[in-house]
């Protein structure tokens, strides 16, 4: 498992604001999921981000360190089961697809290509 370059968690959330603190309690970073708006709505114009959607996006963002750790653990477990059970990695089994999906998500989370 490669060393991650992202800010270590936990990430905290207050509404649509996500932030992390240094060990001394000072702010390490903060990100605000902004609600979109249209000053002069046009007929048929798409609705932009609502407050509820912004807060849900912020919650997902705040969970990112935990989700990354879970994916790393899942990847390790799935990969090691091939060694224990001697599965043929032919890409057709549910386990093959799950492992490929986990690896693609990990690559994307770490800034790589999928």
N, C-alpha and C. Protein backbone atom coordinates (compact mmCIF):
# COMPACT_ATOMS: atom_id res chain seq x y z
N UNK A 1 0.85 -1.17 0.00
CA UNK A 1 0.00 0.00 0.00
C UNK A 1 0.90 1.24 0.00
N UNK A 2 0.69 2.14 -0.95
CA UNK A 2 1.51 3.34 -1.06
C UNK A 2 1.07 4.39 -0.04
N UNK A 3 2.02 5.26 0.31
CA UNK A 3 1.74 6.33 1.25
C UNK A 3 0.82 7.36 0.61
N UNK A 4 -0.26 7.71 1.29
CA UNK A 4 -1.21 8.68 0.77
C UNK A 4 -0.65 10.09 0.89
N UNK A 5 -1.03 10.95 -0.05
CA UNK A 5 -0.57 12.33 -0.06
C UNK A 5 -1.62 13.30 0.46
N UNK A 6 -2.83 12.81 0.71
CA UNK A 6 -3.91 13.68 1.16
C UNK A 6 -3.75 14.04 2.64
N UNK A 7 -4.47 15.05 3.06
CA UNK A 7 -4.51 15.42 4.47
C UNK A 7 -5.16 14.29 5.25
N UNK A 8 -4.49 13.84 6.28
CA UNK A 8 -5.01 12.74 7.09
C UNK A 8 -6.27 13.18 7.81
N UNK A 9 -7.16 12.24 8.01
CA UNK A 9 -8.40 12.52 8.73
C UNK A 9 -8.16 12.55 10.22
N UNK A 10 -9.17 12.73 11.01
CA UNK A 10 -10.53 12.79 10.53
C UNK A 10 -10.87 14.15 9.93
N UNK A 11 -11.82 14.14 9.01
CA UNK A 11 -12.38 15.37 8.47
C UNK A 11 -13.66 15.64 9.26
N UNK A 12 -13.87 16.87 9.58
CA UNK A 12 -15.05 17.27 10.33
C UNK A 12 -15.99 18.03 9.41
N UNK A 13 -17.26 18.07 9.76
CA UNK A 13 -18.23 18.74 8.91
C UNK A 13 -19.18 19.57 9.75
N UNK A 14 -19.49 20.74 9.24
CA UNK A 14 -20.51 21.61 9.82
C UNK A 14 -21.34 22.13 8.66
N UNK A 15 -22.49 21.50 8.43
CA UNK A 15 -23.31 21.86 7.28
C UNK A 15 -22.59 21.51 6.00
N UNK A 16 -22.30 22.52 5.18
CA UNK A 16 -21.60 22.30 3.91
C UNK A 16 -20.11 22.60 4.01
N UNK A 17 -19.61 22.85 5.21
CA UNK A 17 -18.19 23.13 5.44
C UNK A 17 -17.50 21.87 5.92
N UNK A 18 -16.39 21.49 5.29
CA UNK A 18 -15.59 20.34 5.67
C UNK A 18 -14.21 20.86 6.04
N UNK A 19 -13.65 20.36 7.14
CA UNK A 19 -12.34 20.85 7.56
C UNK A 19 -11.59 19.77 8.34
N UNK A 20 -10.30 19.99 8.47
CA UNK A 20 -9.45 19.12 9.28
C UNK A 20 -8.59 20.02 10.16
N UNK A 21 -8.26 19.52 11.33
CA UNK A 21 -7.48 20.29 12.28
C UNK A 21 -6.10 19.67 12.48
N UNK A 22 -5.13 20.51 12.79
CA UNK A 22 -3.81 20.04 13.21
C UNK A 22 -3.92 19.50 14.62
N UNK A 23 -2.88 18.83 15.09
CA UNK A 23 -2.89 18.27 16.44
C UNK A 23 -3.12 19.33 17.51
N UNK A 24 -2.68 20.58 17.25
CA UNK A 24 -2.86 21.64 18.24
C UNK A 24 -4.22 22.33 18.13
N UNK A 25 -5.09 21.83 17.25
CA UNK A 25 -6.43 22.37 17.12
C UNK A 25 -6.57 23.50 16.13
N UNK A 26 -5.47 23.87 15.46
CA UNK A 26 -5.56 24.92 14.45
C UNK A 26 -6.03 24.33 13.13
N UNK A 27 -6.56 25.18 12.29
CA UNK A 27 -7.13 24.75 11.02
C UNK A 27 -6.05 24.28 10.05
N UNK A 28 -6.20 23.08 9.51
CA UNK A 28 -5.27 22.55 8.50
C UNK A 28 -5.79 22.87 7.10
N UNK A 29 -7.07 22.66 6.88
CA UNK A 29 -7.71 23.05 5.63
C UNK A 29 -9.20 23.14 5.87
N UNK A 30 -9.87 23.85 4.99
CA UNK A 30 -11.32 23.82 5.00
C UNK A 30 -11.80 23.93 3.55
N UNK A 31 -12.92 23.33 3.30
CA UNK A 31 -13.54 23.37 1.97
C UNK A 31 -15.03 23.58 2.17
N UNK A 32 -15.58 24.44 1.37
CA UNK A 32 -17.00 24.74 1.47
C UNK A 32 -17.68 24.29 0.19
N UNK A 33 -18.69 23.46 0.30
CA UNK A 33 -19.47 23.04 -0.85
C UNK A 33 -20.53 24.11 -1.06
N UNK A 34 -20.32 24.91 -2.07
CA UNK A 34 -21.16 26.07 -2.29
C UNK A 34 -22.47 25.71 -2.99
N UNK A 35 -23.51 26.33 -2.53
CA UNK A 35 -24.82 26.16 -3.14
C UNK A 35 -24.85 27.02 -4.40
N UNK A 36 -25.23 26.42 -5.52
CA UNK A 36 -25.32 27.17 -6.76
C UNK A 36 -26.60 27.98 -6.80
N UNK A 37 -26.57 29.04 -7.54
CA UNK A 37 -27.77 29.86 -7.67
C UNK A 37 -27.80 30.50 -9.06
N UNK A 38 -28.97 30.87 -9.45
CA UNK A 38 -29.15 31.56 -10.73
C UNK A 38 -29.76 32.91 -10.40
N UNK A 39 -29.06 34.00 -10.76
CA UNK A 39 -29.57 35.34 -10.44
C UNK A 39 -30.86 35.64 -11.16
N UNK A 40 -30.92 35.30 -12.42
CA UNK A 40 -32.14 35.53 -13.20
C UNK A 40 -32.50 34.21 -13.88
N UNK A 41 -33.32 33.41 -13.20
CA UNK A 41 -33.66 32.10 -13.77
C UNK A 41 -34.29 32.24 -15.16
N UNK A 42 -33.81 31.44 -16.08
CA UNK A 42 -34.38 31.40 -17.42
C UNK A 42 -35.38 30.26 -17.49
N UNK A 43 -36.30 30.41 -18.35
CA UNK A 43 -37.27 29.34 -18.55
C UNK A 43 -36.53 28.08 -19.01
N UNK A 44 -36.73 26.99 -18.28
CA UNK A 44 -36.09 25.72 -18.64
C UNK A 44 -34.66 25.60 -18.13
N UNK A 45 -34.18 26.60 -17.38
CA UNK A 45 -32.81 26.52 -16.86
C UNK A 45 -32.72 25.41 -15.82
N UNK A 46 -31.59 24.74 -15.79
CA UNK A 46 -31.39 23.67 -14.83
C UNK A 46 -31.28 24.24 -13.42
N UNK A 47 -31.84 23.52 -12.46
CA UNK A 47 -31.72 23.90 -11.07
C UNK A 47 -30.31 23.53 -10.61
N UNK A 48 -29.69 24.41 -9.88
CA UNK A 48 -28.34 24.12 -9.40
C UNK A 48 -28.40 23.48 -8.02
N UNK A 49 -27.26 23.32 -7.39
CA UNK A 49 -27.15 22.64 -6.11
C UNK A 49 -28.03 23.26 -5.03
N UNK A 50 -28.77 22.42 -4.35
CA UNK A 50 -29.59 22.87 -3.23
C UNK A 50 -28.75 22.79 -1.95
N UNK A 51 -29.25 23.39 -0.89
CA UNK A 51 -28.57 23.29 0.41
C UNK A 51 -28.47 21.85 0.85
N UNK A 52 -29.55 21.09 0.69
CA UNK A 52 -29.55 19.68 1.08
C UNK A 52 -28.50 18.89 0.29
N UNK A 53 -28.40 19.14 -1.01
CA UNK A 53 -27.41 18.45 -1.84
C UNK A 53 -26.00 18.86 -1.44
N UNK A 54 -25.78 20.13 -1.16
CA UNK A 54 -24.45 20.60 -0.75
C UNK A 54 -24.03 19.94 0.56
N UNK A 55 -24.95 19.83 1.50
CA UNK A 55 -24.63 19.20 2.78
C UNK A 55 -24.36 17.71 2.62
N UNK A 56 -25.12 17.05 1.75
CA UNK A 56 -24.88 15.62 1.48
C UNK A 56 -23.52 15.41 0.81
N UNK A 57 -23.16 16.30 -0.09
CA UNK A 57 -21.84 16.23 -0.74
C UNK A 57 -20.74 16.45 0.28
N UNK A 58 -20.94 17.40 1.17
CA UNK A 58 -19.96 17.67 2.24
C UNK A 58 -19.83 16.45 3.16
N UNK A 59 -20.93 15.76 3.44
CA UNK A 59 -20.88 14.56 4.28
C UNK A 59 -20.05 13.47 3.60
N UNK A 60 -20.23 13.31 2.30
CA UNK A 60 -19.44 12.33 1.55
C UNK A 60 -17.96 12.70 1.57
N UNK A 61 -17.66 13.97 1.37
CA UNK A 61 -16.30 14.48 1.41
C UNK A 61 -15.69 14.21 2.79
N UNK A 62 -16.43 14.49 3.85
CA UNK A 62 -15.93 14.30 5.20
C UNK A 62 -15.65 12.82 5.50
N UNK A 63 -16.39 11.93 4.86
CA UNK A 63 -16.20 10.49 5.06
C UNK A 63 -15.04 9.93 4.23
N UNK A 64 -14.46 10.73 3.36
CA UNK A 64 -13.44 10.24 2.43
C UNK A 64 -12.28 9.49 3.09
N UNK A 65 -11.69 9.97 4.18
CA UNK A 65 -10.59 9.21 4.79
C UNK A 65 -11.02 7.81 5.25
N UNK A 66 -12.22 7.71 5.82
CA UNK A 66 -12.73 6.41 6.26
C UNK A 66 -13.02 5.50 5.06
N UNK A 67 -13.58 6.08 4.01
CA UNK A 67 -13.88 5.30 2.81
C UNK A 67 -12.59 4.80 2.15
N UNK A 68 -11.56 5.64 2.12
CA UNK A 68 -10.28 5.23 1.55
C UNK A 68 -9.68 4.08 2.35
N UNK A 69 -9.70 4.19 3.66
CA UNK A 69 -9.17 3.12 4.50
C UNK A 69 -9.95 1.82 4.30
N UNK A 70 -11.28 1.91 4.17
CA UNK A 70 -12.10 0.73 3.94
C UNK A 70 -11.77 0.09 2.59
N UNK A 71 -11.57 0.90 1.56
CA UNK A 71 -11.22 0.36 0.25
C UNK A 71 -9.85 -0.32 0.28
N UNK A 72 -8.90 0.28 0.99
CA UNK A 72 -7.57 -0.34 1.09
C UNK A 72 -7.66 -1.69 1.79
N UNK A 73 -8.48 -1.76 2.83
CA UNK A 73 -8.65 -3.03 3.54
C UNK A 73 -9.38 -4.05 2.66
N UNK A 74 -10.39 -3.61 1.93
CA UNK A 74 -11.12 -4.51 1.03
C UNK A 74 -10.21 -5.03 -0.07
N UNK A 75 -9.38 -4.17 -0.61
CA UNK A 75 -8.46 -4.59 -1.68
C UNK A 75 -7.50 -5.66 -1.16
N UNK A 76 -6.98 -5.44 0.03
CA UNK A 76 -6.06 -6.41 0.62
C UNK A 76 -6.75 -7.75 0.87
N UNK A 77 -7.98 -7.68 1.40
CA UNK A 77 -8.71 -8.92 1.68
C UNK A 77 -9.09 -9.68 0.42
N UNK A 78 -9.58 -8.96 -0.58
CA UNK A 78 -9.95 -9.62 -1.84
C UNK A 78 -8.73 -10.22 -2.53
N UNK A 79 -7.65 -9.47 -2.57
CA UNK A 79 -6.44 -9.96 -3.24
C UNK A 79 -5.87 -11.18 -2.51
N UNK A 80 -5.89 -11.16 -1.18
CA UNK A 80 -5.32 -12.29 -0.44
C UNK A 80 -6.18 -13.54 -0.57
N UNK A 81 -7.48 -13.39 -0.80
CA UNK A 81 -8.34 -14.57 -0.94
C UNK A 81 -7.99 -15.36 -2.20
N UNK A 82 -7.43 -14.69 -3.20
CA UNK A 82 -6.99 -15.42 -4.39
C UNK A 82 -5.87 -16.39 -4.03
N UNK A 83 -4.98 -15.96 -3.14
CA UNK A 83 -3.86 -16.81 -2.74
C UNK A 83 -4.34 -17.98 -1.90
N UNK A 84 -5.33 -17.75 -1.03
CA UNK A 84 -5.84 -18.80 -0.15
C UNK A 84 -6.67 -19.82 -0.92
N UNK A 85 -7.55 -19.33 -1.79
CA UNK A 85 -8.50 -20.21 -2.48
C UNK A 85 -8.07 -20.59 -3.89
N UNK A 86 -7.01 -20.02 -4.38
CA UNK A 86 -6.49 -20.30 -5.71
C UNK A 86 -7.55 -20.08 -6.79
N UNK A 87 -8.27 -18.94 -6.71
CA UNK A 87 -9.26 -18.59 -7.72
C UNK A 87 -8.57 -18.25 -9.04
N UNK A 88 -9.18 -18.61 -10.15
CA UNK A 88 -8.65 -18.13 -11.43
C UNK A 88 -9.12 -16.69 -11.64
N UNK A 89 -8.21 -15.76 -11.78
CA UNK A 89 -8.58 -14.36 -11.99
C UNK A 89 -8.89 -14.15 -13.46
N UNK A 90 -10.10 -14.55 -13.86
CA UNK A 90 -10.47 -14.48 -15.27
C UNK A 90 -11.35 -13.27 -15.59
N UNK A 91 -11.67 -12.45 -14.57
CA UNK A 91 -12.47 -11.26 -14.80
C UNK A 91 -13.96 -11.50 -14.86
N UNK A 92 -14.39 -12.74 -14.72
CA UNK A 92 -15.82 -13.04 -14.86
C UNK A 92 -16.54 -13.21 -13.53
N UNK A 93 -15.82 -13.49 -12.47
CA UNK A 93 -16.49 -13.73 -11.19
C UNK A 93 -16.85 -12.41 -10.52
N UNK A 94 -17.78 -12.48 -9.60
CA UNK A 94 -18.17 -11.29 -8.84
C UNK A 94 -16.97 -10.76 -8.08
N UNK A 95 -16.12 -11.64 -7.58
CA UNK A 95 -14.93 -11.22 -6.84
C UNK A 95 -13.96 -10.49 -7.75
N UNK A 96 -13.78 -10.97 -8.97
CA UNK A 96 -12.90 -10.28 -9.93
C UNK A 96 -13.41 -8.87 -10.20
N UNK A 97 -14.72 -8.76 -10.42
CA UNK A 97 -15.30 -7.44 -10.70
C UNK A 97 -15.19 -6.51 -9.50
N UNK A 98 -15.41 -7.06 -8.31
CA UNK A 98 -15.31 -6.26 -7.09
C UNK A 98 -13.87 -5.77 -6.89
N UNK A 99 -12.90 -6.65 -7.09
CA UNK A 99 -11.50 -6.27 -6.92
C UNK A 99 -11.10 -5.21 -7.95
N UNK A 100 -11.56 -5.36 -9.18
CA UNK A 100 -11.26 -4.37 -10.22
C UNK A 100 -11.89 -3.02 -9.87
N UNK A 101 -13.12 -3.03 -9.36
CA UNK A 101 -13.79 -1.79 -8.98
C UNK A 101 -13.08 -1.12 -7.81
N UNK A 102 -12.68 -1.90 -6.83
CA UNK A 102 -11.97 -1.36 -5.67
C UNK A 102 -10.64 -0.75 -6.11
N UNK A 103 -9.91 -1.45 -6.96
CA UNK A 103 -8.62 -0.93 -7.42
C UNK A 103 -8.78 0.34 -8.27
N UNK A 104 -9.82 0.41 -9.08
CA UNK A 104 -10.07 1.61 -9.87
C UNK A 104 -10.43 2.79 -8.96
N UNK A 105 -11.25 2.55 -7.95
CA UNK A 105 -11.62 3.61 -7.01
C UNK A 105 -10.40 4.09 -6.22
N UNK A 106 -9.54 3.16 -5.81
CA UNK A 106 -8.32 3.55 -5.09
C UNK A 106 -7.41 4.39 -5.97
N UNK A 107 -7.26 3.98 -7.23
CA UNK A 107 -6.41 4.75 -8.15
C UNK A 107 -6.96 6.16 -8.32
N UNK A 108 -8.27 6.28 -8.48
CA UNK A 108 -8.88 7.59 -8.66
C UNK A 108 -8.73 8.44 -7.40
N UNK A 109 -8.93 7.83 -6.23
CA UNK A 109 -8.80 8.55 -4.97
C UNK A 109 -7.38 9.05 -4.72
N UNK A 110 -6.42 8.33 -5.28
CA UNK A 110 -5.02 8.71 -5.06
C UNK A 110 -4.46 9.54 -6.22
N UNK A 111 -5.36 9.99 -7.11
CA UNK A 111 -4.94 10.88 -8.18
C UNK A 111 -4.43 10.20 -9.42
N UNK A 112 -4.62 8.90 -9.53
CA UNK A 112 -4.15 8.17 -10.69
C UNK A 112 -5.23 8.02 -11.74
N UNK A 113 -4.84 7.41 -12.82
CA UNK A 113 -5.80 7.13 -13.90
C UNK A 113 -6.57 5.87 -13.58
N UNK A 114 -7.78 5.83 -14.06
CA UNK A 114 -8.63 4.65 -13.87
C UNK A 114 -8.59 3.80 -15.11
